[in-house]
Amino acid sequence: MTGPGQNGCANMERTNMDEKRRQNLSGELKYLIDRCSLTDVLDLLAGICAENADHLRANWPDDLPPPEQNERAAKIWEHAAQKVARLVPEVRSTFECTPSRST
């Protein structure tokens, strides 16, 4: 991945991906959750969002797109990272009280 979104934009809206692609990605996410855990996947997503914010701030020229758009996009990624990271302890505590499922 070269950076967050297309042209440095924080493409965080739900995309109009076709159903086959959605099913494939869903299967990959389910596999990751089964192999690791939901909390690990959420933790990784929070880290990716934070890395995208850092990438925007460090690597995108100030004149392309306008600097305020770069910073706005970085703040959106940073905010997403914080929100996802806040879920990790809550999800972890929920799953600690739940018997593990057998696969």
PDB file of N, CA and C in Angstrom:
ATOM      1  N   MET A   1       0.845  -1.176   0.000  1.00  0.00           N
ATOM      2  CA  MET A   1       0.000   0.000   0.000  1.00  0.00           C
ATOM      3  C   MET A   1       0.885   1.232   0.000  1.00  0.00           C
ATOM      4  N   THR A   2       0.612   2.161  -0.865  1.00  0.00           N
ATOM      5  CA  THR A   2       1.445   3.351  -0.960  1.00  0.00           C
ATOM      6  C   THR A   2       1.003   4.447  -0.023  1.00  0.00           C
ATOM      7  N   GLY A   3      -0.185   4.417   0.430  1.00  0.00           N
ATOM      8  CA  GLY A   3      -0.663   5.459   1.330  1.00  0.00           C
ATOM      9  C   GLY A   3      -2.163   5.378   1.461  1.00  0.00           C
ATOM     10  N   PRO A   4      -2.712   6.217   2.309  1.00  0.00           N
ATOM     11  CA  PRO A   4      -4.134   6.164   2.590  1.00  0.00           C
ATOM     12  C   PRO A   4      -4.981   6.746   1.480  1.00  0.00           C
ATOM     13  N   GLY A   5      -5.917   5.985   1.002  1.00  0.00           N
ATOM     14  CA  GLY A   5      -6.877   6.498   0.042  1.00  0.00           C
ATOM     15  C   GLY A   5      -6.267   6.886  -1.286  1.00  0.00           C
ATOM     16  N   GLN A   6      -7.089   7.318  -2.173  1.00  0.00           N
ATOM     17  CA  GLN A   6      -6.641   7.760  -3.482  1.00  0.00           C
ATOM     18  C   GLN A   6      -6.281   9.234  -3.406  1.00  0.00           C
ATOM     19  N   ASN A   7      -5.122   9.605  -3.933  1.00  0.00           N
ATOM     20  CA  ASN A   7      -4.651  10.988  -3.918  1.00  0.00           C
ATOM     21  C   ASN A   7      -4.564  11.556  -2.512  1.00  0.00           C
ATOM     22  N   GLY A   8      -4.287  10.708  -1.540  1.00  0.00           N
ATOM     23  CA  GLY A   8      -4.127  11.173  -0.173  1.00  0.00           C
ATOM     24  C   GLY A   8      -5.427  11.421   0.564  1.00  0.00           C
ATOM     25  N   CYS A   9      -6.542  11.145  -0.062  1.00  0.00           N
ATOM     26  CA  CYS A   9      -7.831  11.398   0.575  1.00  0.00           C
ATOM     27  C   CYS A   9      -8.141  10.288   1.569  1.00  0.00           C
ATOM     28  N   ALA A  10      -8.805  10.650   2.611  1.00  0.00           N
ATOM     29  CA  ALA A  10      -9.215   9.662   3.598  1.00  0.00           C
ATOM     30  C   ALA A  10     -10.496   9.014   3.115  1.00  0.00           C
ATOM     31  N   ASN A  11     -10.357   7.974   2.320  1.00  0.00           N
ATOM     32  CA  ASN A  11     -11.502   7.296   1.735  1.00  0.00           C
ATOM     33  C   ASN A  11     -12.099   6.353   2.761  1.00  0.00           C
ATOM     34  N   MET A  12     -12.884   6.905   3.671  1.00  0.00           N
ATOM     35  CA  MET A  12     -13.391   6.111   4.775  1.00  0.00           C
ATOM     36  C   MET A  12     -14.872   5.797   4.630  1.00  0.00           C
ATOM     37  N   GLU A  13     -15.499   6.267   3.549  1.00  0.00           N
ATOM     38  CA  GLU A  13     -16.898   5.946   3.336  1.00  0.00           C
ATOM     39  C   GLU A  13     -17.012   4.524   2.815  1.00  0.00           C
ATOM     40  N   ARG A  14     -18.155   3.936   3.022  1.00  0.00           N
ATOM     41  CA  ARG A  14     -18.390   2.590   2.490  1.00  0.00           C
ATOM     42  C   ARG A  14     -18.328   2.667   0.975  1.00  0.00           C
ATOM     43  N   THR A  15     -17.534   1.804   0.403  1.00  0.00           N
ATOM     44  CA  THR A  15     -17.375   1.814  -1.042  1.00  0.00           C
ATOM     45  C   THR A  15     -18.480   0.993  -1.695  1.00  0.00           C
ATOM     46  N   ASN A  16     -18.634   1.177  -2.970  1.00  0.00           N
ATOM     47  CA  ASN A  16     -19.622   0.425  -3.731  1.00  0.00           C
ATOM     48  C   ASN A  16     -18.972  -0.790  -4.361  1.00  0.00           C
ATOM     49  N   MET A  17     -18.289  -1.584  -3.553  1.00  0.00           N
ATOM     50  CA  MET A  17     -17.650  -2.780  -4.099  1.00  0.00           C
ATOM     51  C   MET A  17     -18.716  -3.800  -4.462  1.00  0.00           C
ATOM     52  N   ASP A  18     -18.397  -4.602  -5.459  1.00  0.00           N
ATOM     53  CA  ASP A  18     -19.370  -5.602  -5.880  1.00  0.00           C
ATOM     54  C   ASP A  18     -19.486  -6.700  -4.830  1.00  0.00           C
ATOM     55  N   GLU A  19     -20.558  -7.461  -4.934  1.00  0.00           N
ATOM     56  CA  GLU A  19     -20.873  -8.461  -3.916  1.00  0.00           C
ATOM     57  C   GLU A  19     -19.803  -9.546  -3.810  1.00  0.00           C
ATOM     58  N   LYS A  20     -19.234  -9.950  -4.932  1.00  0.00           N
ATOM     59  CA  LYS A  20     -18.200 -10.989  -4.897  1.00  0.00           C
ATOM     60  C   LYS A  20     -16.975 -10.503  -4.130  1.00  0.00           C
ATOM     61  N   ARG A  21     -16.566  -9.265  -4.391  1.00  0.00           N
ATOM     62  CA  ARG A  21     -15.411  -8.709  -3.673  1.00  0.00           C
ATOM     63  C   ARG A  21     -15.722  -8.580  -2.185  1.00  0.00           C
ATOM     64  N   ARG A  22     -16.924  -8.149  -1.860  1.00  0.00           N
ATOM     65  CA  ARG A  22     -17.332  -8.024  -0.461  1.00  0.00           C
ATOM     66  C   ARG A  22     -17.282  -9.379   0.232  1.00  0.00           C
ATOM     67  N   GLN A  23     -17.766 -10.416  -0.431  1.00  0.00           N
ATOM     68  CA  GLN A  23     -17.736 -11.757   0.147  1.00  0.00           C
ATOM     69  C   GLN A  23     -16.306 -12.243   0.341  1.00  0.00           C
ATOM     70  N   ASN A  24     -15.441 -11.969  -0.639  1.00  0.00           N
ATOM     71  CA  ASN A  24     -14.040 -12.367  -0.514  1.00  0.00           C
ATOM     72  C   ASN A  24     -13.366 -11.673   0.663  1.00  0.00           C
ATOM     73  N   LEU A  25     -13.570 -10.368   0.765  1.00  0.00           N
ATOM     74  CA  LEU A  25     -12.969  -9.622   1.874  1.00  0.00           C
ATOM     75  C   LEU A  25     -13.548 -10.063   3.209  1.00  0.00           C
ATOM     76  N   SER A  26     -14.837 -10.328   3.224  1.00  0.00           N
ATOM     77  CA  SER A  26     -15.472 -10.812   4.443  1.00  0.00           C
ATOM     78  C   SER A  26     -14.848 -12.139   4.874  1.00  0.00           C
ATOM     79  N   GLY A  27     -14.630 -13.018   3.923  1.00  0.00           N
ATOM     80  CA  GLY A  27     -13.997 -14.301   4.224  1.00  0.00           C
ATOM     81  C   GLY A  27     -12.589 -14.125   4.768  1.00  0.00           C
ATOM     82  N   GLU A  28     -11.841 -13.188   4.179  1.00  0.00           N
ATOM     83  CA  GLU A  28     -10.478 -12.935   4.656  1.00  0.00           C
ATOM     84  C   GLU A  28     -10.491 -12.386   6.078  1.00  0.00           C
ATOM     85  N   LEU A  29     -11.423 -11.478   6.355  1.00  0.00           N
ATOM     86  CA  LEU A  29     -11.519 -10.935   7.715  1.00  0.00           C
ATOM     87  C   LEU A  29     -11.915 -12.022   8.716  1.00  0.00           C
ATOM     88  N   LYS A  30     -12.862 -12.847   8.346  1.00  0.00           N
ATOM     89  CA  LYS A  30     -13.265 -13.949   9.236  1.00  0.00           C
ATOM     90  C   LYS A  30     -12.084 -14.868   9.517  1.00  0.00           C
ATOM     91  N   TYR A  31     -11.289 -15.138   8.492  1.00  0.00           N
ATOM     92  CA  TYR A  31     -10.102 -15.984   8.654  1.00  0.00           C
ATOM     93  C   TYR A  31      -9.130 -15.339   9.649  1.00  0.00           C
ATOM     94  N   LEU A  32      -8.884 -14.035   9.485  1.00  0.00           N
ATOM     95  CA  LEU A  32      -7.976 -13.337  10.409  1.00  0.00           C
ATOM     96  C   LEU A  32      -8.496 -13.370  11.840  1.00  0.00           C
ATOM     97  N   ILE A  33      -9.787 -13.137  11.994  1.00  0.00           N
ATOM     98  CA  ILE A  33     -10.371 -13.143  13.337  1.00  0.00           C
ATOM     99  C   ILE A  33     -10.261 -14.530  13.950  1.00  0.00           C
ATOM    100  N   ASP A  34     -10.507 -15.570  13.147  1.00  0.00           N
ATOM    101  CA  ASP A  34     -10.390 -16.938  13.653  1.00  0.00           C
ATOM    102  C   ASP A  34      -8.940 -17.289  13.987  1.00  0.00           C
ATOM    103  N   ARG A  35      -7.996 -16.837  13.176  1.00  0.00           N
ATOM    104  CA  ARG A  35      -6.578 -17.149  13.396  1.00  0.00           C
ATOM    105  C   ARG A  35      -5.993 -16.373  14.563  1.00  0.00           C
ATOM    106  N   CYS A  36      -6.416 -15.148  14.722  1.00  0.00           N
ATOM    107  CA  CYS A  36      -5.888 -14.297  15.807  1.00  0.00           C
ATOM    108  C   CYS A  36      -6.989 -14.140  16.850  1.00  0.00           C
ATOM    109  N   SER A  37      -7.630 -13.014  16.802  1.00  0.00           N
ATOM    110  CA  SER A  37      -8.799 -12.729  17.623  1.00  0.00           C
ATOM    111  C   SER A  37      -9.386 -11.419  17.123  1.00  0.00           C
ATOM    112  N   LEU A  38     -10.603 -11.152  17.505  1.00  0.00           N
ATOM    113  CA  LEU A  38     -11.231  -9.894  17.113  1.00  0.00           C
ATOM    114  C   LEU A  38     -10.448  -8.716  17.692  1.00  0.00           C
ATOM    115  N   THR A  39      -9.998  -8.843  18.935  1.00  0.00           N
ATOM    116  CA  THR A  39      -9.241  -7.734  19.534  1.00  0.00           C
ATOM    117  C   THR A  39      -7.928  -7.500  18.793  1.00  0.00           C
ATOM    118  N   ASP A  40      -7.263  -8.561  18.359  1.00  0.00           N
ATOM    119  CA  ASP A  40      -6.026  -8.382  17.595  1.00  0.00           C
ATOM    120  C   ASP A  40      -6.296  -7.670  16.274  1.00  0.00           C
ATOM    121  N   VAL A  41      -7.380  -8.046  15.596  1.00  0.00           N
ATOM    122  CA  VAL A  41      -7.716  -7.420  14.317  1.00  0.00           C
ATOM    123  C   VAL A  41      -8.065  -5.949  14.531  1.00  0.00           C
ATOM    124  N   LEU A  42      -8.847  -5.651  15.568  1.00  0.00           N
ATOM    125  CA  LEU A  42      -9.175  -4.252  15.862  1.00  0.00           C
ATOM    126  C   LEU A  42      -7.921  -3.452  16.199  1.00  0.00           C
ATOM    127  N   ASP A  43      -7.025  -4.060  16.969  1.00  0.00           N
ATOM    128  CA  ASP A  43      -5.779  -3.398  17.321  1.00  0.00           C
ATOM    129  C   ASP A  43      -4.951  -3.106  16.065  1.00  0.00           C
ATOM    130  N   LEU A  44      -4.901  -4.067  15.154  1.00  0.00           N
ATOM    131  CA  LEU A  44      -4.183  -3.865  13.892  1.00  0.00           C
ATOM    132  C   LEU A  44      -4.831  -2.756  13.061  1.00  0.00           C
ATOM    133  N   LEU A  45      -6.157  -2.734  12.999  1.00  0.00           N
ATOM    134  CA  LEU A  45      -6.854  -1.683  12.250  1.00  0.00           C
ATOM    135  C   LEU A  45      -6.568  -0.300  12.834  1.00  0.00           C
ATOM    136  N   ALA A  46      -6.552  -0.208  14.156  1.00  0.00           N
ATOM    137  CA  ALA A  46      -6.234   1.071  14.796  1.00  0.00           C
ATOM    138  C   ALA A  46      -4.830   1.509  14.412  1.00  0.00           C
ATOM    139  N   GLY A  47      -3.898   0.565  14.409  1.00  0.00           N
ATOM    140  CA  GLY A  47      -2.526   0.885  14.028  1.00  0.00           C
ATOM    141  C   GLY A  47      -2.411   1.319  12.583  1.00  0.00           C
ATOM    142  N   ILE A  48      -3.151   0.668  11.693  1.00  0.00           N
ATOM    143  CA  ILE A  48      -3.125   1.046  10.276  1.00  0.00           C
ATOM    144  C   ILE A  48      -3.680   2.453  10.094  1.00  0.00           C
ATOM    145  N   CYS A  49      -4.761   2.763  10.779  1.00  0.00           N
ATOM    146  CA  CYS A  49      -5.336   4.116  10.688  1.00  0.00           C
ATOM    147  C   CYS A  49      -4.325   5.157  11.174  1.00  0.00           C
ATOM    148  N   ALA A  50      -3.655   4.879  12.282  1.00  0.00           N
ATOM    149  CA  ALA A  50      -2.653   5.809  12.817  1.00  0.00           C
ATOM    150  C   ALA A  50      -1.483   5.956  11.842  1.00  0.00           C
ATOM    151  N   GLU A  51      -1.063   4.832  11.241  1.00  0.00           N
ATOM    152  CA  GLU A  51       0.024   4.892  10.253  1.00  0.00           C
ATOM    153  C   GLU A  51      -0.381   5.725   9.044  1.00  0.00           C
ATOM    154  N   ASN A  52      -1.642   5.607   8.614  1.00  0.00           N
ATOM    155  CA  ASN A  52      -2.114   6.412   7.489  1.00  0.00           C
ATOM    156  C   ASN A  52      -2.069   7.897   7.823  1.00  0.00           C
ATOM    157  N   ALA A  53      -2.451   8.253   9.040  1.00  0.00           N
ATOM    158  CA  ALA A  53      -2.379   9.661   9.456  1.00  0.00           C
ATOM    159  C   ALA A  53      -0.934  10.148   9.424  1.00  0.00           C
ATOM    160  N   ASP A  54      -0.026   9.353   9.971  1.00  0.00           N
ATOM    161  CA  ASP A  54       1.394   9.721   9.973  1.00  0.00           C
ATOM    162  C   ASP A  54       1.934   9.826   8.556  1.00  0.00           C
ATOM    163  N   HIS A  55       1.525   8.889   7.709  1.00  0.00           N
ATOM    164  CA  HIS A  55       1.986   8.888   6.319  1.00  0.00           C
ATOM    165  C   HIS A  55       1.561  10.172   5.606  1.00  0.00           C
ATOM    166  N   LEU A  56       0.307  10.562   5.792  1.00  0.00           N
ATOM    167  CA  LEU A  56      -0.173  11.789   5.165  1.00  0.00           C
ATOM    168  C   LEU A  56       0.629  13.000   5.628  1.00  0.00           C
ATOM    169  N   ARG A  57       0.893  13.059   6.905  1.00  0.00           N
ATOM    170  CA  ARG A  57       1.618  14.211   7.447  1.00  0.00           C
ATOM    171  C   ARG A  57       3.070  14.244   6.983  1.00  0.00           C
ATOM    172  N   ALA A  58       3.674  13.089   6.810  1.00  0.00           N
ATOM    173  CA  ALA A  58       5.107  13.035   6.517  1.00  0.00           C
ATOM    174  C   ALA A  58       5.441  13.009   5.025  1.00  0.00           C
ATOM    175  N   ASN A  59       4.550  12.458   4.212  1.00  0.00           N
ATOM    176  CA  ASN A  59       4.937  12.162   2.843  1.00  0.00           C
ATOM    177  C   ASN A  59       4.215  12.904   1.744  1.00  0.00           C
ATOM    178  N   TRP A  60       3.138  13.563   2.056  1.00  0.00           N
ATOM    179  CA  TRP A  60       2.420  14.256   0.999  1.00  0.00           C
ATOM    180  C   TRP A  60       2.903  15.690   0.925  1.00  0.00           C
ATOM    181  N   PRO A  61       3.264  16.151  -0.282  1.00  0.00           N
ATOM    182  CA  PRO A  61       3.735  17.537  -0.431  1.00  0.00           C
ATOM    183  C   PRO A  61       2.672  18.522   0.036  1.00  0.00           C
ATOM    184  N   ASP A  62       3.133  19.605   0.625  1.00  0.00           N
ATOM    185  CA  ASP A  62       2.201  20.603   1.152  1.00  0.00           C
ATOM    186  C   ASP A  62       1.376  21.282   0.063  1.00  0.00           C
ATOM    187  N   ASP A  63       1.824  21.205  -1.180  1.00  0.00           N
ATOM    188  CA  ASP A  63       1.090  21.895  -2.237  1.00  0.00           C
ATOM    189  C   ASP A  63       0.186  20.980  -3.067  1.00  0.00           C
ATOM    190  N   LEU A  64       0.154  19.687  -2.746  1.00  0.00           N
ATOM    191  CA  LEU A  64      -0.652  18.764  -3.531  1.00  0.00           C
ATOM    192  C   LEU A  64      -1.275  17.693  -2.662  1.00  0.00           C
ATOM    193  N   PRO A  65      -2.506  17.601  -2.408  1.00  0.00           N
ATOM    194  CA  PRO A  65      -3.514  18.646  -2.555  1.00  0.00           C
ATOM    195  C   PRO A  65      -3.267  19.769  -1.564  1.00  0.00           C
ATOM    196  N   PRO A  66      -4.163  20.727  -1.473  1.00  0.00           N
ATOM    197  CA  PRO A  66      -3.914  21.841  -0.541  1.00  0.00           C
ATOM    198  C   PRO A  66      -3.581  21.328   0.865  1.00  0.00           C
ATOM    199  N   PRO A  67      -2.626  21.982   1.550  1.00  0.00           N
ATOM    200  CA  PRO A  67      -2.165  21.502   2.865  1.00  0.00           C
ATOM    201  C   PRO A  67      -3.287  21.264   3.871  1.00  0.00           C
ATOM    202  N   GLU A  68      -4.298  22.115   3.867  1.00  0.00           N
ATOM    203  CA  GLU A  68      -5.384  21.931   4.836  1.00  0.00           C
ATOM    204  C   GLU A  68      -6.163  20.649   4.556  1.00  0.00           C
ATOM    205  N   GLN A  69      -6.209  20.228   3.291  1.00  0.00           N
ATOM    206  CA  GLN A  69      -6.876  18.964   2.970  1.00  0.00           C
ATOM    207  C   GLN A  69      -6.043  17.793   3.478  1.00  0.00           C
ATOM    208  N   ASN A  70      -4.724  17.877   3.360  1.00  0.00           N
ATOM    209  CA  ASN A  70      -3.854  16.824   3.881  1.00  0.00           C
ATOM    210  C   ASN A  70      -4.040  16.669   5.385  1.00  0.00           C
ATOM    211  N   GLU A  71      -4.027  17.786   6.094  1.00  0.00           N
ATOM    212  CA  GLU A  71      -4.154  17.731   7.546  1.00  0.00           C
ATOM    213  C   GLU A  71      -5.544  17.251   7.942  1.00  0.00           C
ATOM    214  N   ARG A  72      -6.553  17.677   7.213  1.00  0.00           N
ATOM    215  CA  ARG A  72      -7.915  17.218   7.505  1.00  0.00           C
ATOM    216  C   ARG A  72      -8.007  15.710   7.329  1.00  0.00           C
ATOM    217  N   ALA A  73      -7.456  15.191   6.235  1.00  0.00           N
ATOM    218  CA  ALA A  73      -7.472  13.748   5.997  1.00  0.00           C
ATOM    219  C   ALA A  73      -6.694  13.024   7.090  1.00  0.00           C
ATOM    220  N   ALA A  74      -5.560  13.567   7.495  1.00  0.00           N
ATOM    221  CA  ALA A  74      -4.764  12.955   8.562  1.00  0.00           C
ATOM    222  C   ALA A  74      -5.554  12.923   9.868  1.00  0.00           C
ATOM    223  N   LYS A  75      -6.271  13.993  10.149  1.00  0.00           N
ATOM    224  CA  LYS A  75      -7.072  14.029  11.381  1.00  0.00           C
ATOM    225  C   LYS A  75      -8.213  13.016  11.346  1.00  0.00           C
ATOM    226  N   ILE A  76      -8.786  12.800  10.165  1.00  0.00           N
ATOM    227  CA  ILE A  76      -9.849  11.800  10.033  1.00  0.00           C
ATOM    228  C   ILE A  76      -9.293  10.409  10.333  1.00  0.00           C
ATOM    229  N   TRP A  77      -8.118  10.093   9.755  1.00  0.00           N
ATOM    230  CA  TRP A  77      -7.493   8.797  10.026  1.00  0.00           C
ATOM    231  C   TRP A  77      -7.122   8.667  11.500  1.00  0.00           C
ATOM    232  N   GLU A  78      -6.607   9.738  12.074  1.00  0.00           N
ATOM    233  CA  GLU A  78      -6.219   9.722  13.489  1.00  0.00           C
ATOM    234  C   GLU A  78      -7.439   9.493  14.379  1.00  0.00           C
ATOM    235  N   HIS A  79      -8.530  10.157  14.046  1.00  0.00           N
ATOM    236  CA  HIS A  79      -9.771  10.005  14.813  1.00  0.00           C
ATOM    237  C   HIS A  79     -10.286   8.567  14.707  1.00  0.00           C
ATOM    238  N   ALA A  80     -10.221   8.004  13.511  1.00  0.00           N
ATOM    239  CA  ALA A  80     -10.642   6.607  13.325  1.00  0.00           C
ATOM    240  C   ALA A  80      -9.774   5.673  14.170  1.00  0.00           C
ATOM    241  N   ALA A  81      -8.469   5.936  14.186  1.00  0.00           N
ATOM    242  CA  ALA A  81      -7.554   5.108  14.991  1.00  0.00           C
ATOM    243  C   ALA A  81      -7.943   5.147  16.459  1.00  0.00           C
ATOM    244  N   GLN A  82      -8.253   6.332  16.959  1.00  0.00           N
ATOM    245  CA  GLN A  82      -8.623   6.475  18.364  1.00  0.00           C
ATOM    246  C   GLN A  82      -9.932   5.754  18.674  1.00  0.00           C
ATOM    247  N   LYS A  83     -10.913   5.885  17.780  1.00  0.00           N
ATOM    248  CA  LYS A  83     -12.204   5.229  18.006  1.00  0.00           C
ATOM    249  C   LYS A  83     -12.057   3.704  18.013  1.00  0.00           C
ATOM    250  N   VAL A  84     -11.315   3.179  17.042  1.00  0.00           N
ATOM    251  CA  VAL A  84     -11.138   1.729  16.975  1.00  0.00           C
ATOM    252  C   VAL A  84     -10.346   1.250  18.194  1.00  0.00           C
ATOM    253  N   ALA A  85      -9.312   1.995  18.566  1.00  0.00           N
ATOM    254  CA  ALA A  85      -8.489   1.605  19.719  1.00  0.00           C
ATOM    255  C   ALA A  85      -9.309   1.570  21.009  1.00  0.00           C
ATOM    256  N   ARG A  86     -10.301   2.457  21.124  1.00  0.00           N
ATOM    257  CA  ARG A  86     -11.154   2.455  22.318  1.00  0.00           C
ATOM    258  C   ARG A  86     -12.025   1.205  22.403  1.00  0.00           C
ATOM    259  N   LEU A  87     -12.280   0.576  21.271  1.00  0.00           N
ATOM    260  CA  LEU A  87     -13.085  -0.657  21.268  1.00  0.00           C
ATOM    261  C   LEU A  87     -12.315  -1.860  21.810  1.00  0.00           C
ATOM    262  N   VAL A  88     -11.003  -1.849  21.664  1.00  0.00           N
ATOM    263  CA  VAL A  88     -10.193  -3.032  21.985  1.00  0.00           C
ATOM    264  C   VAL A  88     -10.403  -3.510  23.424  1.00  0.00           C
ATOM    265  N   PRO A  89     -10.256  -2.660  24.441  1.00  0.00           N
ATOM    266  CA  PRO A  89     -10.436  -3.165  25.815  1.00  0.00           C
ATOM    267  C   PRO A  89     -11.854  -3.675  26.082  1.00  0.00           C
ATOM    268  N   GLU A  90     -12.848  -3.009  25.516  1.00  0.00           N
ATOM    269  CA  GLU A  90     -14.232  -3.437  25.729  1.00  0.00           C
ATOM    270  C   GLU A  90     -14.474  -4.810  25.089  1.00  0.00           C
ATOM    271  N   VAL A  91     -14.004  -4.988  23.873  1.00  0.00           N
ATOM    272  CA  VAL A  91     -14.168  -6.269  23.197  1.00  0.00           C
ATOM    273  C   VAL A  91     -13.368  -7.351  23.920  1.00  0.00           C
ATOM    274  N   ARG A  92     -12.160  -7.009  24.335  1.00  0.00           N
ATOM    275  CA  ARG A  92     -11.321  -7.983  25.051  1.00  0.00           C
ATOM    276  C   ARG A  92     -12.021  -8.451  26.323  1.00  0.00           C
ATOM    277  N   SER A  93     -12.565  -7.525  27.097  1.00  0.00           N
ATOM    278  CA  SER A  93     -13.216  -7.919  28.351  1.00  0.00           C
ATOM    279  C   SER A  93     -14.476  -8.738  28.093  1.00  0.00           C
ATOM    280  N   THR A  94     -15.162  -8.461  27.005  1.00  0.00           N
ATOM    281  CA  THR A  94     -16.351  -9.239  26.652  1.00  0.00           C
ATOM    282  C   THR A  94     -15.970 -10.663  26.304  1.00  0.00           C
ATOM    283  N   PHE A  95     -14.913 -10.828  25.512  1.00  0.00           N
ATOM    284  CA  PHE A  95     -14.522 -12.165  25.089  1.00  0.00           C
ATOM    285  C   PHE A  95     -13.816 -12.949  26.201  1.00  0.00           C
ATOM    286  N   GLU A  96     -13.250 -12.261  27.179  1.00  0.00           N
ATOM    287  CA  GLU A  96     -12.632 -12.973  28.305  1.00  0.00           C
ATOM    288  C   GLU A  96     -13.682 -13.695  29.122  1.00  0.00           C
ATOM    289  N   CYS A  97     -14.908 -13.190  29.117  1.00  0.00           N
ATOM    290  CA  CYS A  97     -15.987 -13.803  29.892  1.00  0.00           C
ATOM    291  C   CYS A  97     -16.762 -14.837  29.087  1.00  0.00           C
ATOM    292  N   THR A  98     -16.442 -14.955  27.804  1.00  0.00           N
ATOM    293  CA  THR A  98     -17.143 -15.883  26.924  1.00  0.00           C
ATOM    294  C   THR A  98     -16.303 -17.109  26.682  1.00  0.00           C
ATOM    295  N   PRO A  99     -16.873 -18.294  26.839  1.00  0.00           N
ATOM    296  CA  PRO A  99     -16.100 -19.504  26.543  1.00  0.00           C
ATOM    297  C   PRO A  99     -15.616 -19.480  25.098  1.00  0.00           C
ATOM    298  N   SER A 100     -14.393 -19.972  24.871  1.00  0.00           N
ATOM    299  CA  SER A 100     -13.862 -19.972  23.524  1.00  0.00           C
ATOM    300  C   SER A 100     -14.639 -20.962  22.672  1.00  0.00           C
ATOM    301  N   ARG A 101     -14.803 -20.604  21.399  1.00  0.00           N
ATOM    302  CA  ARG A 101     -15.522 -21.488  20.511  1.00  0.00           C
ATOM    303  C   ARG A 101     -14.568 -22.483  19.891  1.00  0.00           C
ATOM    304  N   SER A 102     -15.075 -23.611  19.561  1.00  0.00           N
ATOM    305  CA  SER A 102     -14.214 -24.608  18.915  1.00  0.00           C
ATOM    306  C   SER A 102     -14.382 -24.470  17.412  1.00  0.00           C
ATOM    307  N   THR A 103     -13.256 -24.589  16.692  1.00  0.00           N
ATOM    308  CA  THR A 103     -13.312 -24.474  15.231  1.00  0.00           C
ATOM    309  C   THR A 103     -12.924 -25.762  14.584  1.00  0.00           C
TER     310      THR A 103
END
